[in-house]
Amino acid sequence: MEKAIVMIYPSDPSKLNEPGNIVLAGHNYGDGKLFANNKNLKNGDKIIISDEKGRTITYEVYDKFTTDPSDTEYMSRSTNGKREISLSTCTDDEVNRTIVLAREVQE
């Protein structure tokens, strides 16, 4: 996690961009690297993720909130078989977590 983003759930990286909730975590270095700019994301913003299978999926942010580090409820949420991502990073003060939820854009 020092140099890259980590896929927390599911633990198998080949499941990236598969249906369900994919949880990605990254540091907030405050310098624009990794997830430092997640705090600036807003509803409607697009996130594009390419996987090792060559698929590129576009997700759209629909929720963002701050919570404490012990809150993991967002990790196990149901997506009703749709592709969604949850992005997790620490707040600038490193006390809490900024969580961004996004779902696949249907073309």
N, C-alpha and C. Protein backbone atom coordinates (compact mmCIF):
# COMPACT_ATOMS: atom_id res chain seq x y z
N MET A 1 0.81 -1.19 0.00
CA MET A 1 0.00 0.00 0.00
C MET A 1 0.86 1.26 0.00
N GLU A 2 2.15 1.13 0.23
CA GLU A 2 3.04 2.30 0.21
C GLU A 2 3.21 2.85 -1.20
N LYS A 3 3.13 1.98 -2.23
CA LYS A 3 3.41 2.40 -3.60
C LYS A 3 2.24 2.20 -4.55
N ALA A 4 1.19 1.57 -4.07
CA ALA A 4 0.08 1.27 -4.97
C ALA A 4 -1.23 1.22 -4.18
N ILE A 5 -2.29 1.03 -4.91
CA ILE A 5 -3.61 0.86 -4.32
C ILE A 5 -3.81 -0.62 -4.06
N VAL A 6 -4.49 -0.95 -2.98
CA VAL A 6 -4.70 -2.34 -2.58
C VAL A 6 -6.16 -2.71 -2.76
N MET A 7 -6.39 -3.91 -3.30
CA MET A 7 -7.75 -4.43 -3.40
C MET A 7 -8.00 -5.27 -2.16
N ILE A 8 -8.86 -4.76 -1.27
CA ILE A 8 -9.14 -5.44 -0.01
C ILE A 8 -10.13 -6.57 -0.21
N TYR A 9 -11.18 -6.30 -0.99
CA TYR A 9 -12.20 -7.32 -1.20
C TYR A 9 -12.70 -7.24 -2.63
N PRO A 10 -12.86 -8.37 -3.29
CA PRO A 10 -12.39 -9.67 -2.85
C PRO A 10 -10.87 -9.72 -2.88
N SER A 11 -10.30 -10.73 -2.27
CA SER A 11 -8.85 -10.80 -2.15
C SER A 11 -8.18 -11.28 -3.43
N ASP A 12 -8.94 -11.75 -4.39
CA ASP A 12 -8.40 -12.24 -5.66
C ASP A 12 -8.41 -11.12 -6.69
N PRO A 13 -7.24 -10.60 -7.09
CA PRO A 13 -7.18 -9.47 -8.02
C PRO A 13 -7.83 -9.75 -9.38
N SER A 14 -7.98 -11.01 -9.74
CA SER A 14 -8.62 -11.32 -11.02
C SER A 14 -10.11 -11.00 -10.99
N LYS A 15 -10.65 -10.70 -9.81
CA LYS A 15 -12.07 -10.36 -9.66
C LYS A 15 -12.34 -8.87 -9.85
N LEU A 16 -11.29 -8.08 -10.10
CA LEU A 16 -11.47 -6.64 -10.35
C LEU A 16 -12.40 -6.46 -11.54
N ASN A 17 -13.33 -5.56 -11.43
CA ASN A 17 -14.33 -5.25 -12.45
C ASN A 17 -15.37 -6.35 -12.65
N GLU A 18 -15.43 -7.30 -11.73
CA GLU A 18 -16.48 -8.31 -11.76
C GLU A 18 -17.70 -7.75 -11.03
N PRO A 19 -18.90 -8.33 -11.24
CA PRO A 19 -20.07 -7.88 -10.48
C PRO A 19 -19.85 -8.03 -8.97
N GLY A 20 -20.43 -7.12 -8.22
CA GLY A 20 -20.28 -7.10 -6.77
C GLY A 20 -19.57 -5.84 -6.33
N ASN A 21 -19.29 -5.77 -5.05
CA ASN A 21 -18.63 -4.60 -4.46
C ASN A 21 -17.13 -4.87 -4.39
N ILE A 22 -16.35 -4.08 -5.10
CA ILE A 22 -14.89 -4.18 -5.06
C ILE A 22 -14.39 -3.06 -4.15
N VAL A 23 -13.64 -3.43 -3.11
CA VAL A 23 -13.14 -2.45 -2.15
C VAL A 23 -11.67 -2.19 -2.41
N LEU A 24 -11.34 -0.94 -2.71
CA LEU A 24 -9.98 -0.51 -2.99
C LEU A 24 -9.55 0.51 -1.94
N ALA A 25 -8.34 0.34 -1.43
CA ALA A 25 -7.82 1.28 -0.42
C ALA A 25 -6.48 1.83 -0.90
N GLY A 26 -6.25 3.06 -0.56
CA GLY A 26 -4.99 3.70 -0.92
C GLY A 26 -4.67 4.81 0.05
N HIS A 27 -3.39 5.12 0.17
CA HIS A 27 -2.98 6.19 1.08
C HIS A 27 -3.40 7.56 0.55
N ASN A 28 -3.59 8.46 1.47
CA ASN A 28 -3.82 9.87 1.18
C ASN A 28 -2.55 10.59 1.59
N TYR A 29 -1.64 10.73 0.65
CA TYR A 29 -0.37 11.39 0.96
C TYR A 29 -0.47 12.91 0.98
N GLY A 30 -1.62 13.44 0.54
CA GLY A 30 -1.80 14.88 0.57
C GLY A 30 -1.03 15.60 -0.52
N ASP A 31 -0.38 14.86 -1.41
CA ASP A 31 0.44 15.47 -2.45
C ASP A 31 -0.10 15.16 -3.85
N GLY A 32 -1.34 14.70 -3.92
CA GLY A 32 -1.94 14.38 -5.20
C GLY A 32 -1.71 12.95 -5.64
N LYS A 33 -0.93 12.18 -4.89
CA LYS A 33 -0.65 10.80 -5.25
C LYS A 33 -1.66 9.85 -4.62
N LEU A 34 -1.82 8.70 -5.27
CA LEU A 34 -2.73 7.64 -4.83
C LEU A 34 -4.12 8.22 -4.60
N PHE A 35 -4.66 8.14 -3.39
CA PHE A 35 -6.04 8.58 -3.14
C PHE A 35 -6.11 9.96 -2.49
N ALA A 36 -5.07 10.77 -2.62
CA ALA A 36 -5.05 12.09 -1.98
C ALA A 36 -6.17 13.00 -2.47
N ASN A 37 -6.62 12.82 -3.70
CA ASN A 37 -7.66 13.70 -4.25
C ASN A 37 -9.07 13.13 -4.13
N ASN A 38 -9.23 11.99 -3.47
CA ASN A 38 -10.57 11.42 -3.31
C ASN A 38 -11.52 12.38 -2.61
N LYS A 39 -11.00 13.20 -1.73
CA LYS A 39 -11.86 14.15 -1.01
C LYS A 39 -12.52 15.14 -1.96
N ASN A 40 -11.95 15.31 -3.15
CA ASN A 40 -12.50 16.26 -4.13
C ASN A 40 -13.54 15.63 -5.06
N LEU A 41 -13.69 14.31 -5.01
CA LEU A 41 -14.68 13.65 -5.86
C LEU A 41 -16.09 14.04 -5.42
N LYS A 42 -16.99 14.11 -6.40
CA LYS A 42 -18.38 14.45 -6.08
C LYS A 42 -19.30 13.57 -6.92
N ASN A 43 -20.56 13.51 -6.53
CA ASN A 43 -21.53 12.72 -7.27
C ASN A 43 -21.50 13.09 -8.74
N GLY A 44 -21.50 12.05 -9.58
CA GLY A 44 -21.47 12.26 -11.03
C GLY A 44 -20.08 12.17 -11.63
N ASP A 45 -19.03 12.29 -10.81
CA ASP A 45 -17.67 12.15 -11.33
C ASP A 45 -17.45 10.72 -11.80
N LYS A 46 -16.62 10.56 -12.83
CA LYS A 46 -16.33 9.26 -13.40
C LYS A 46 -14.98 8.73 -12.91
N ILE A 47 -14.94 7.42 -12.70
CA ILE A 47 -13.71 6.71 -12.33
C ILE A 47 -13.57 5.58 -13.32
N ILE A 48 -12.43 5.50 -13.98
CA ILE A 48 -12.20 4.47 -14.99
C ILE A 48 -11.16 3.49 -14.46
N ILE A 49 -11.51 2.20 -14.48
CA ILE A 49 -10.62 1.18 -13.96
C ILE A 49 -10.38 0.13 -15.05
N SER A 50 -9.10 -0.10 -15.36
CA SER A 50 -8.70 -1.15 -16.29
C SER A 50 -8.16 -2.31 -15.48
N ASP A 51 -8.47 -3.52 -15.94
CA ASP A 51 -8.02 -4.70 -15.20
C ASP A 51 -7.05 -5.53 -16.04
N GLU A 52 -6.54 -6.59 -15.43
CA GLU A 52 -5.54 -7.44 -16.09
C GLU A 52 -6.11 -8.23 -17.26
N LYS A 53 -7.43 -8.28 -17.39
CA LYS A 53 -8.07 -8.98 -18.50
C LYS A 53 -8.26 -8.06 -19.70
N GLY A 54 -7.85 -6.79 -19.55
CA GLY A 54 -7.97 -5.84 -20.63
C GLY A 54 -9.30 -5.12 -20.68
N ARG A 55 -10.15 -5.34 -19.68
CA ARG A 55 -11.44 -4.64 -19.63
C ARG A 55 -11.26 -3.28 -18.99
N THR A 56 -11.98 -2.32 -19.50
CA THR A 56 -12.02 -0.99 -18.91
C THR A 56 -13.47 -0.70 -18.57
N ILE A 57 -13.72 -0.44 -17.29
CA ILE A 57 -15.07 -0.17 -16.81
C ILE A 57 -15.11 1.26 -16.28
N THR A 58 -16.15 2.00 -16.64
CA THR A 58 -16.35 3.35 -16.12
C THR A 58 -17.38 3.28 -15.00
N TYR A 59 -17.02 3.86 -13.87
CA TYR A 59 -17.90 3.93 -12.71
C TYR A 59 -18.25 5.39 -12.47
N GLU A 60 -19.43 5.62 -11.88
CA GLU A 60 -19.86 6.98 -11.55
C GLU A 60 -20.09 7.09 -10.05
N VAL A 61 -19.51 8.11 -9.46
CA VAL A 61 -19.65 8.35 -8.02
C VAL A 61 -21.10 8.68 -7.71
N TYR A 62 -21.64 8.02 -6.68
CA TYR A 62 -23.00 8.34 -6.24
C TYR A 62 -23.09 8.65 -4.74
N ASP A 63 -21.99 8.46 -4.01
CA ASP A 63 -22.01 8.79 -2.58
C ASP A 63 -20.58 8.96 -2.09
N LYS A 64 -20.41 9.83 -1.13
CA LYS A 64 -19.11 10.03 -0.47
C LYS A 64 -19.40 10.41 0.96
N PHE A 65 -18.67 9.82 1.90
CA PHE A 65 -18.89 10.14 3.31
C PHE A 65 -17.61 9.91 4.10
N THR A 66 -17.59 10.45 5.29
CA THR A 66 -16.48 10.27 6.22
C THR A 66 -16.97 9.40 7.36
N THR A 67 -16.13 8.46 7.78
CA THR A 67 -16.50 7.55 8.86
C THR A 67 -15.25 7.22 9.66
N ASP A 68 -15.45 6.53 10.78
CA ASP A 68 -14.28 6.16 11.60
C ASP A 68 -13.66 4.87 11.05
N PRO A 69 -12.40 4.63 11.38
CA PRO A 69 -11.68 3.47 10.83
C PRO A 69 -12.29 2.11 11.17
N SER A 70 -13.08 2.03 12.22
CA SER A 70 -13.67 0.75 12.59
C SER A 70 -14.93 0.42 11.79
N ASP A 71 -15.46 1.39 11.04
CA ASP A 71 -16.67 1.17 10.25
C ASP A 71 -16.31 0.43 8.96
N THR A 72 -16.79 -0.79 8.84
CA THR A 72 -16.54 -1.59 7.64
C THR A 72 -17.84 -1.98 6.93
N GLU A 73 -18.94 -1.39 7.35
CA GLU A 73 -20.24 -1.74 6.79
C GLU A 73 -20.29 -1.57 5.27
N TYR A 74 -19.63 -0.54 4.74
CA TYR A 74 -19.63 -0.28 3.30
C TYR A 74 -18.96 -1.41 2.51
N MET A 75 -18.11 -2.18 3.17
CA MET A 75 -17.38 -3.24 2.48
C MET A 75 -18.27 -4.43 2.12
N SER A 76 -19.29 -4.68 2.91
CA SER A 76 -20.10 -5.88 2.71
C SER A 76 -21.49 -5.57 2.17
N ARG A 77 -21.65 -4.42 1.57
CA ARG A 77 -22.97 -4.03 1.07
C ARG A 77 -23.35 -4.80 -0.19
N SER A 78 -24.64 -4.99 -0.37
CA SER A 78 -25.15 -5.69 -1.54
C SER A 78 -25.20 -4.74 -2.73
N THR A 79 -24.86 -5.25 -3.90
CA THR A 79 -24.95 -4.46 -5.12
C THR A 79 -26.00 -5.03 -6.07
N ASN A 80 -26.74 -6.02 -5.60
CA ASN A 80 -27.75 -6.68 -6.44
C ASN A 80 -27.17 -7.17 -7.76
N GLY A 81 -25.95 -7.70 -7.70
CA GLY A 81 -25.32 -8.27 -8.88
C GLY A 81 -24.72 -7.26 -9.85
N LYS A 82 -24.69 -6.00 -9.48
CA LYS A 82 -24.12 -4.95 -10.33
C LYS A 82 -22.66 -4.74 -9.96
N ARG A 83 -21.91 -4.10 -10.86
CA ARG A 83 -20.52 -3.74 -10.58
C ARG A 83 -20.50 -2.43 -9.80
N GLU A 84 -19.84 -2.45 -8.65
CA GLU A 84 -19.65 -1.23 -7.86
C GLU A 84 -18.25 -1.25 -7.25
N ILE A 85 -17.77 -0.08 -6.90
CA ILE A 85 -16.50 0.04 -6.20
C ILE A 85 -16.69 0.89 -4.96
N SER A 86 -15.88 0.60 -3.95
CA SER A 86 -15.79 1.40 -2.73
C SER A 86 -14.33 1.80 -2.59
N LEU A 87 -14.06 3.09 -2.56
CA LEU A 87 -12.69 3.59 -2.40
C LEU A 87 -12.53 4.09 -0.97
N SER A 88 -11.46 3.67 -0.31
CA SER A 88 -11.22 4.04 1.08
C SER A 88 -9.84 4.66 1.23
N THR A 89 -9.80 5.78 1.94
CA THR A 89 -8.53 6.41 2.26
C THR A 89 -8.69 7.19 3.56
N CYS A 90 -7.59 7.57 4.18
CA CYS A 90 -7.69 8.35 5.41
C CYS A 90 -7.98 9.81 5.08
N THR A 91 -8.57 10.49 6.04
CA THR A 91 -8.80 11.92 5.91
C THR A 91 -7.46 12.64 6.04
N ASP A 92 -7.43 13.92 5.71
CA ASP A 92 -6.17 14.67 5.76
C ASP A 92 -5.53 14.63 7.15
N ASP A 93 -6.36 14.57 8.20
CA ASP A 93 -5.82 14.54 9.56
C ASP A 93 -5.51 13.12 10.04
N GLU A 94 -5.74 12.13 9.17
CA GLU A 94 -5.46 10.72 9.44
C GLU A 94 -6.27 10.13 10.59
N VAL A 95 -7.36 10.78 10.97
CA VAL A 95 -8.18 10.31 12.08
C VAL A 95 -9.32 9.40 11.58
N ASN A 96 -9.94 9.79 10.48
CA ASN A 96 -11.09 9.07 9.95
C ASN A 96 -10.82 8.55 8.55
N ARG A 97 -11.85 8.05 7.90
CA ARG A 97 -11.74 7.53 6.54
C ARG A 97 -12.72 8.26 5.63
N THR A 98 -12.27 8.58 4.42
CA THR A 98 -13.14 9.07 3.37
C THR A 98 -13.49 7.87 2.50
N ILE A 99 -14.79 7.64 2.32
CA ILE A 99 -15.28 6.53 1.53
C ILE A 99 -16.01 7.08 0.32
N VAL A 100 -15.68 6.58 -0.85
CA VAL A 100 -16.34 6.98 -2.10
C VAL A 100 -16.98 5.73 -2.68
N LEU A 101 -18.29 5.83 -3.00
CA LEU A 101 -19.01 4.72 -3.61
C LEU A 101 -19.34 5.09 -5.05
N ALA A 102 -19.13 4.14 -5.97
CA ALA A 102 -19.41 4.38 -7.38
C ALA A 102 -19.96 3.11 -8.01
N ARG A 103 -20.81 3.28 -9.01
CA ARG A 103 -21.38 2.12 -9.72
C ARG A 103 -21.08 2.23 -11.21
N GLU A 104 -21.10 1.08 -11.86
CA GLU A 104 -20.80 1.02 -13.29
C GLU A 104 -21.78 1.89 -14.07
N VAL A 105 -21.24 2.61 -15.04
CA VAL A 105 -22.06 3.39 -15.95
C VAL A 105 -22.54 2.45 -17.05
N GLN A 106 -23.84 2.36 -17.20
CA GLN A 106 -24.42 1.51 -18.24
C GLN A 106 -24.47 2.30 -19.54
N GLU A 107 -23.78 1.82 -20.52
CA GLU A 107 -23.72 2.50 -21.83
C GLU A 107 -24.89 2.11 -22.69
